[in-house]
Amino acid sequence: MHTSLRNQILCAIFTALIAIGAFIRIPVPVVPFTLQFLFTTLAGVLLGARLGALSVIIYIVLGLMGVPVFAEGGGPGYIFKPSFGYLPGFALGAYISGYFAEKEGRPSFKNLLLGNALNLAVVYLCGMVYCYVISNFYLGTPIALWPLVLYCFILAVPGDAVLCVVAAILGARLVPVVGIRRSKAYNG
C-alpha cells in the first residue's frame, strides 16, 4: 500500500491523538470515559477506512510493544486485561466510520452519524465479548451477563453516543479541509 507523506503524517498524528485521548478522562458518575473513542472515530472519518484503521492498529502495536499509551500502561500482558477487547474494536470501528465517510465525495452529517453509530456498536460488541470471555474462561473472575451489560454498556455508552454526534459534526466540516481524497481512482 503506497501512501503519500501527507497521509503518513496524518496517520501518525491520529495515532498520537488516540494515545493522548486515553489519558483525557472525563469524570462522570460510576464509569469515567476517555476521548479515545472520539479520536478513533475521527481517524476513520477524516483519513478514510484503511488509514483510519491503520492509525489505530499502529497505536495498538505501540502499546503492546510496551510504550505506555493505553489507559492503564502498555506491554504484551495488556492482552489479558478485560478491557483489551475495546482496542481491536476501535480499529474495526474506525474502518467502519471511514467506509461511511468514503461513500460520498463530501459526506453528509446523516451518513457520518450512521457510520459512527455502527462504529460504536462494533466497539462495544468487541469489548463486551472479550471482557466476558477473558473474565470467565481465563482470569477466573466470572462476570454474569447482566453486570457485563450494565457496567460495560449501559453506564458507559451515553458519553460515547454523544461523541458519535460530535464526530459527525466535526467530520462534516473537516472532511473537505483535512480528509483524504475520496475518489475511487485514488489508491492511497
C-alpha atoms as a PDB file:
ATOM      1  CA  MET A   1       0.000   0.000   0.000  1.00  0.00           C
ATOM      2  CA  HIS A   2       1.559   3.267  -1.141  1.00  0.00           C
ATOM      3  CA  THR A   3       0.720   6.328   0.909  1.00  0.00           C
ATOM      4  CA  SER A   4       1.838   9.904   0.445  1.00  0.00           C
ATOM      5  CA  LEU A   5       3.936  11.694   3.029  1.00  0.00           C
ATOM      6  CA  ARG A   6       0.887  13.835   3.883  1.00  0.00           C
ATOM      7  CA  ASN A   7      -1.177  10.727   4.610  1.00  0.00           C
ATOM      8  CA  GLN A   8       1.611   9.181   6.686  1.00  0.00           C
ATOM      9  CA  ILE A   9       1.834  12.352   8.764  1.00  0.00           C
ATOM     10  CA  LEU A  10      -1.948  12.466   9.265  1.00  0.00           C
ATOM     11  CA  CYS A  11      -1.920   8.802  10.284  1.00  0.00           C
ATOM     12  CA  ALA A  12       0.874   9.476  12.800  1.00  0.00           C
ATOM     13  CA  ILE A  13      -0.995  12.497  14.169  1.00  0.00           C
ATOM     14  CA  PHE A  14      -4.106  10.405  14.771  1.00  0.00           C
ATOM     15  CA  THR A  15      -2.047   7.649  16.398  1.00  0.00           C
ATOM     16  CA  ALA A  16      -0.718  10.294  18.803  1.00  0.00           C
ATOM     17  CA  LEU A  17      -4.203  11.769  19.369  1.00  0.00           C
ATOM     18  CA  ILE A  18      -5.574   8.321  20.227  1.00  0.00           C
ATOM     19  CA  ALA A  19      -2.777   7.861  22.775  1.00  0.00           C
ATOM     20  CA  ILE A  20      -3.490  11.289  24.260  1.00  0.00           C
ATOM     21  CA  GLY A  21      -7.219  10.518  24.263  1.00  0.00           C
ATOM     22  CA  ALA A  22      -6.584   7.509  26.500  1.00  0.00           C
ATOM     23  CA  PHE A  23      -5.437   9.882  29.243  1.00  0.00           C
ATOM     24  CA  ILE A  24      -8.076  12.579  28.845  1.00  0.00           C
ATOM     25  CA  ARG A  25     -10.633  11.314  31.308  1.00  0.00           C
ATOM     26  CA  ILE A  26     -13.969  12.974  31.761  1.00  0.00           C
ATOM     27  CA  PRO A  27     -15.239  12.138  35.240  1.00  0.00           C
ATOM     28  CA  VAL A  28     -18.859  11.105  35.306  1.00  0.00           C
ATOM     29  CA  PRO A  29     -20.621   9.084  37.991  1.00  0.00           C
ATOM     30  CA  VAL A  30     -19.748   5.370  38.106  1.00  0.00           C
ATOM     31  CA  VAL A  31     -17.946   4.993  34.731  1.00  0.00           C
ATOM     32  CA  PRO A  32     -15.495   7.725  33.664  1.00  0.00           C
ATOM     33  CA  PHE A  33     -14.802   7.770  29.971  1.00  0.00           C
ATOM     34  CA  THR A  34     -11.886   8.888  27.819  1.00  0.00           C
ATOM     35  CA  LEU A  35     -11.676  10.628  24.463  1.00  0.00           C
ATOM     36  CA  GLN A  36     -10.172   7.583  22.722  1.00  0.00           C
ATOM     37  CA  PHE A  37     -13.448   6.806  21.019  1.00  0.00           C
ATOM     38  CA  LEU A  38     -13.672  10.342  19.615  1.00  0.00           C
ATOM     39  CA  PHE A  39     -10.168  10.204  18.153  1.00  0.00           C
ATOM     40  CA  THR A  40     -10.505   6.688  16.730  1.00  0.00           C
ATOM     41  CA  THR A  41     -13.804   7.702  15.125  1.00  0.00           C
ATOM     42  CA  LEU A  42     -12.334  10.901  13.689  1.00  0.00           C
ATOM     43  CA  ALA A  43      -9.391   8.893  12.359  1.00  0.00           C
ATOM     44  CA  GLY A  44     -11.809   6.844  10.283  1.00  0.00           C
ATOM     45  CA  VAL A  45     -13.946   9.815   9.247  1.00  0.00           C
ATOM     46  CA  LEU A  46     -11.054  12.064   8.221  1.00  0.00           C
ATOM     47  CA  LEU A  47      -8.483   9.556   6.982  1.00  0.00           C
ATOM     48  CA  GLY A  48     -10.801   7.005   5.414  1.00  0.00           C
ATOM     49  CA  ALA A  49     -11.317   3.349   6.193  1.00  0.00           C
ATOM     50  CA  ARG A  50      -7.818   1.985   5.552  1.00  0.00           C
ATOM     51  CA  LEU A  51      -5.716   4.774   7.027  1.00  0.00           C
ATOM     52  CA  GLY A  52      -8.087   5.338   9.938  1.00  0.00           C
ATOM     53  CA  ALA A  53      -7.881   1.674  10.923  1.00  0.00           C
ATOM     54  CA  LEU A  54      -4.113   1.710  10.317  1.00  0.00           C
ATOM     55  CA  SER A  55      -3.626   4.616  12.738  1.00  0.00           C
ATOM     56  CA  VAL A  56      -5.482   2.626  15.423  1.00  0.00           C
ATOM     57  CA  ILE A  57      -3.513  -0.551  14.649  1.00  0.00           C
ATOM     58  CA  ILE A  58      -0.232   1.368  14.991  1.00  0.00           C
ATOM     59  CA  TYR A  59      -1.452   2.656  18.352  1.00  0.00           C
ATOM     60  CA  ILE A  60      -2.265  -0.895  19.489  1.00  0.00           C
ATOM     61  CA  VAL A  61       1.100  -2.251  18.304  1.00  0.00           C
ATOM     62  CA  LEU A  62       2.965   0.544  20.116  1.00  0.00           C
ATOM     63  CA  GLY A  63       1.083  -0.253  23.314  1.00  0.00           C
ATOM     64  CA  LEU A  64       1.699  -3.984  23.038  1.00  0.00           C
ATOM     65  CA  MET A  65       5.398  -3.294  22.452  1.00  0.00           C
ATOM     66  CA  GLY A  66       5.494  -1.677  25.889  1.00  0.00           C
ATOM     67  CA  VAL A  67       5.029   2.011  25.155  1.00  0.00           C
ATOM     68  CA  PRO A  68       2.623   3.137  27.925  1.00  0.00           C
ATOM     69  CA  VAL A  69      -0.046   4.558  25.606  1.00  0.00           C
ATOM     70  CA  PHE A  70      -3.008   2.556  26.895  1.00  0.00           C
ATOM     71  CA  ALA A  71      -5.213   3.925  29.669  1.00  0.00           C
ATOM     72  CA  GLU A  72      -3.509   1.567  32.146  1.00  0.00           C
ATOM     73  CA  GLY A  73       0.025   1.312  30.731  1.00  0.00           C
ATOM     74  CA  GLY A  74       1.221  -0.993  27.993  1.00  0.00           C
ATOM     75  CA  GLY A  75       3.073  -4.189  27.195  1.00  0.00           C
ATOM     76  CA  PRO A  76       2.072  -7.603  25.859  1.00  0.00           C
ATOM     77  CA  GLY A  77       0.375  -8.534  29.142  1.00  0.00           C
ATOM     78  CA  TYR A  78      -2.292  -5.927  28.367  1.00  0.00           C
ATOM     79  CA  ILE A  79      -3.962  -8.576  26.193  1.00  0.00           C
ATOM     80  CA  PHE A  80      -5.114 -10.256  29.397  1.00  0.00           C
ATOM     81  CA  LYS A  81      -6.931  -7.184  30.728  1.00  0.00           C
ATOM     82  CA  PRO A  82     -10.709  -7.458  30.411  1.00  0.00           C
ATOM     83  CA  SER A  83     -10.857  -4.082  28.639  1.00  0.00           C
ATOM     84  CA  PHE A  84      -8.416  -5.070  25.873  1.00  0.00           C
ATOM     85  CA  GLY A  85     -11.228  -6.095  23.507  1.00  0.00           C
ATOM     86  CA  TYR A  86     -12.213  -2.480  23.010  1.00  0.00           C
ATOM     87  CA  LEU A  87      -8.863  -1.782  21.301  1.00  0.00           C
ATOM     88  CA  PRO A  88      -9.353  -4.096  18.290  1.00  0.00           C
ATOM     89  CA  GLY A  89     -12.939  -2.835  18.309  1.00  0.00           C
ATOM     90  CA  PHE A  90     -11.570   0.697  17.847  1.00  0.00           C
ATOM     91  CA  ALA A  91      -9.646  -0.421  14.743  1.00  0.00           C
ATOM     92  CA  LEU A  92     -12.652  -2.150  13.220  1.00  0.00           C
ATOM     93  CA  GLY A  93     -14.878   0.767  14.203  1.00  0.00           C
ATOM     94  CA  ALA A  94     -12.520   3.307  12.603  1.00  0.00           C
ATOM     95  CA  TYR A  95     -12.688   1.255   9.407  1.00  0.00           C
ATOM     96  CA  ILE A  96     -16.498   1.330   9.506  1.00  0.00           C
ATOM     97  CA  SER A  97     -16.655   5.092  10.133  1.00  0.00           C
ATOM     98  CA  GLY A  98     -14.155   5.602   7.332  1.00  0.00           C
ATOM     99  CA  TYR A  99     -16.143   3.419   4.967  1.00  0.00           C
ATOM    100  CA  PHE A 100     -19.262   5.529   5.532  1.00  0.00           C
ATOM    101  CA  ALA A 101     -17.242   8.732   5.137  1.00  0.00           C
ATOM    102  CA  GLU A 102     -15.854   7.475   1.812  1.00  0.00           C
ATOM    103  CA  LYS A 103     -19.253   6.569   0.367  1.00  0.00           C
ATOM    104  CA  GLU A 104     -19.845  10.180  -0.712  1.00  0.00           C
ATOM    105  CA  GLY A 105     -17.453  12.787  -2.094  1.00  0.00           C
ATOM    106  CA  ARG A 106     -18.485  15.145   0.704  1.00  0.00           C
ATOM    107  CA  PRO A 107     -20.146  13.022   3.380  1.00  0.00           C
ATOM    108  CA  SER A 108     -23.359  14.264   4.933  1.00  0.00           C
ATOM    109  CA  PHE A 109     -23.911  14.574   8.656  1.00  0.00           C
ATOM    110  CA  LYS A 110     -26.559  11.836   8.428  1.00  0.00           C
ATOM    111  CA  ASN A 111     -24.215   9.387   6.669  1.00  0.00           C
ATOM    112  CA  LEU A 112     -21.383  10.115   9.103  1.00  0.00           C
ATOM    113  CA  LEU A 113     -23.696   9.689  12.084  1.00  0.00           C
ATOM    114  CA  LEU A 114     -24.883   6.328  10.768  1.00  0.00           C
ATOM    115  CA  GLY A 115     -21.293   5.153  10.279  1.00  0.00           C
ATOM    116  CA  ASN A 116     -20.316   6.413  13.723  1.00  0.00           C
ATOM    117  CA  ALA A 117     -23.285   4.665  15.344  1.00  0.00           C
ATOM    118  CA  LEU A 118     -22.295   1.369  13.696  1.00  0.00           C
ATOM    119  CA  ASN A 119     -18.723   2.019  14.823  1.00  0.00           C
ATOM    120  CA  LEU A 120     -19.995   2.461  18.397  1.00  0.00           C
ATOM    121  CA  ALA A 121     -21.961  -0.795  18.225  1.00  0.00           C
ATOM    122  CA  VAL A 122     -18.932  -2.717  16.938  1.00  0.00           C
ATOM    123  CA  VAL A 123     -16.579  -1.245  19.554  1.00  0.00           C
ATOM    124  CA  TYR A 124     -18.909  -2.166  22.399  1.00  0.00           C
ATOM    125  CA  LEU A 125     -19.678  -5.592  20.983  1.00  0.00           C
ATOM    126  CA  CYS A 126     -15.962  -6.427  20.669  1.00  0.00           C
ATOM    127  CA  GLY A 127     -15.229  -5.031  24.123  1.00  0.00           C
ATOM    128  CA  MET A 128     -18.068  -6.820  25.866  1.00  0.00           C
ATOM    129  CA  VAL A 129     -17.489 -10.192  24.202  1.00  0.00           C
ATOM    130  CA  TYR A 130     -13.776 -10.035  25.004  1.00  0.00           C
ATOM    131  CA  CYS A 131     -14.430  -8.966  28.605  1.00  0.00           C
ATOM    132  CA  TYR A 132     -16.884 -11.826  29.093  1.00  0.00           C
ATOM    133  CA  VAL A 133     -14.599 -14.458  27.563  1.00  0.00           C
ATOM    134  CA  ILE A 134     -11.343 -13.371  29.243  1.00  0.00           C
ATOM    135  CA  SER A 135     -13.033 -12.894  32.641  1.00  0.00           C
ATOM    136  CA  ASN A 136     -14.961 -16.152  32.639  1.00  0.00           C
ATOM    137  CA  PHE A 137     -12.571 -18.502  30.869  1.00  0.00           C
ATOM    138  CA  TYR A 138      -9.057 -17.209  31.536  1.00  0.00           C
ATOM    139  CA  LEU A 139      -8.871 -14.895  34.541  1.00  0.00           C
ATOM    140  CA  GLY A 140     -11.218 -16.960  36.701  1.00  0.00           C
ATOM    141  CA  THR A 141     -13.176 -13.867  37.686  1.00  0.00           C
ATOM    142  CA  PRO A 142     -16.581 -14.728  36.265  1.00  0.00           C
ATOM    143  CA  ILE A 143     -18.957 -11.995  35.279  1.00  0.00           C
ATOM    144  CA  ALA A 144     -22.612 -12.650  34.606  1.00  0.00           C
ATOM    145  CA  LEU A 145     -24.352 -11.282  31.547  1.00  0.00           C
ATOM    146  CA  TRP A 146     -26.421  -8.608  33.339  1.00  0.00           C
ATOM    147  CA  PRO A 147     -23.460  -6.975  35.203  1.00  0.00           C
ATOM    148  CA  LEU A 148     -21.487  -7.109  31.945  1.00  0.00           C
ATOM    149  CA  VAL A 149     -24.245  -5.252  30.068  1.00  0.00           C
ATOM    150  CA  LEU A 150     -24.756  -2.816  32.945  1.00  0.00           C
ATOM    151  CA  TYR A 151     -21.115  -1.837  33.544  1.00  0.00           C
ATOM    152  CA  CYS A 152     -19.673  -2.328  30.067  1.00  0.00           C
ATOM    153  CA  PHE A 153     -22.554  -0.869  28.054  1.00  0.00           C
ATOM    154  CA  ILE A 154     -25.482   0.864  29.779  1.00  0.00           C
ATOM    155  CA  LEU A 155     -23.377   3.025  32.102  1.00  0.00           C
ATOM    156  CA  ALA A 156     -20.604   3.642  29.563  1.00  0.00           C
ATOM    157  CA  VAL A 157     -22.351   4.190  26.228  1.00  0.00           C
ATOM    158  CA  PRO A 158     -24.139   7.547  26.766  1.00  0.00           C
ATOM    159  CA  GLY A 159     -20.917   9.582  26.668  1.00  0.00           C
ATOM    160  CA  ASP A 160     -19.668   7.773  23.580  1.00  0.00           C
ATOM    161  CA  ALA A 161     -23.058   8.237  21.901  1.00  0.00           C
ATOM    162  CA  VAL A 162     -22.599  11.982  22.345  1.00  0.00           C
ATOM    163  CA  LEU A 163     -19.104  11.633  20.854  1.00  0.00           C
ATOM    164  CA  CYS A 164     -20.677   9.961  17.783  1.00  0.00           C
ATOM    165  CA  VAL A 165     -22.650  13.144  17.187  1.00  0.00           C
ATOM    166  CA  VAL A 166     -19.627  15.367  17.863  1.00  0.00           C
ATOM    167  CA  ALA A 167     -17.507  13.332  15.409  1.00  0.00           C
ATOM    168  CA  ALA A 168     -20.234  13.557  12.751  1.00  0.00           C
ATOM    169  CA  ILE A 169     -20.471  17.344  13.161  1.00  0.00           C
ATOM    170  CA  LEU A 170     -16.685  17.758  13.055  1.00  0.00           C
ATOM    171  CA  GLY A 171     -16.364  15.310  10.175  1.00  0.00           C
ATOM    172  CA  ALA A 172     -18.949  17.069   8.026  1.00  0.00           C
ATOM    173  CA  ARG A 173     -16.986  20.302   8.439  1.00  0.00           C
ATOM    174  CA  LEU A 174     -13.424  18.948   8.353  1.00  0.00           C
ATOM    175  CA  VAL A 175     -13.526  16.286   5.622  1.00  0.00           C
ATOM    176  CA  PRO A 176     -13.386  18.903   2.849  1.00  0.00           C
ATOM    177  CA  VAL A 177     -10.384  20.546   4.547  1.00  0.00           C
ATOM    178  CA  VAL A 178      -8.360  17.659   6.028  1.00  0.00           C
ATOM    179  CA  GLY A 179      -9.864  14.476   4.658  1.00  0.00           C
ATOM    180  CA  ILE A 180      -8.168  12.111   2.302  1.00  0.00           C
ATOM    181  CA  ARG A 181      -9.311  12.348  -1.297  1.00  0.00           C
ATOM    182  CA  ARG A 182     -12.447  10.265  -1.736  1.00  0.00           C
ATOM    183  CA  SER A 183     -12.101   9.303  -5.393  1.00  0.00           C
ATOM    184  CA  LYS A 184     -12.294   5.566  -6.156  1.00  0.00           C
ATOM    185  CA  ALA A 185      -9.354   6.078  -8.526  1.00  0.00           C
ATOM    186  CA  TYR A 186      -7.254   7.311  -5.604  1.00  0.00           C
ATOM    187  CA  ASN A 187      -5.062   4.489  -4.368  1.00  0.00           C
ATOM    188  CA  GLY A 188      -3.587   5.806  -1.184  1.00  0.00           C
END
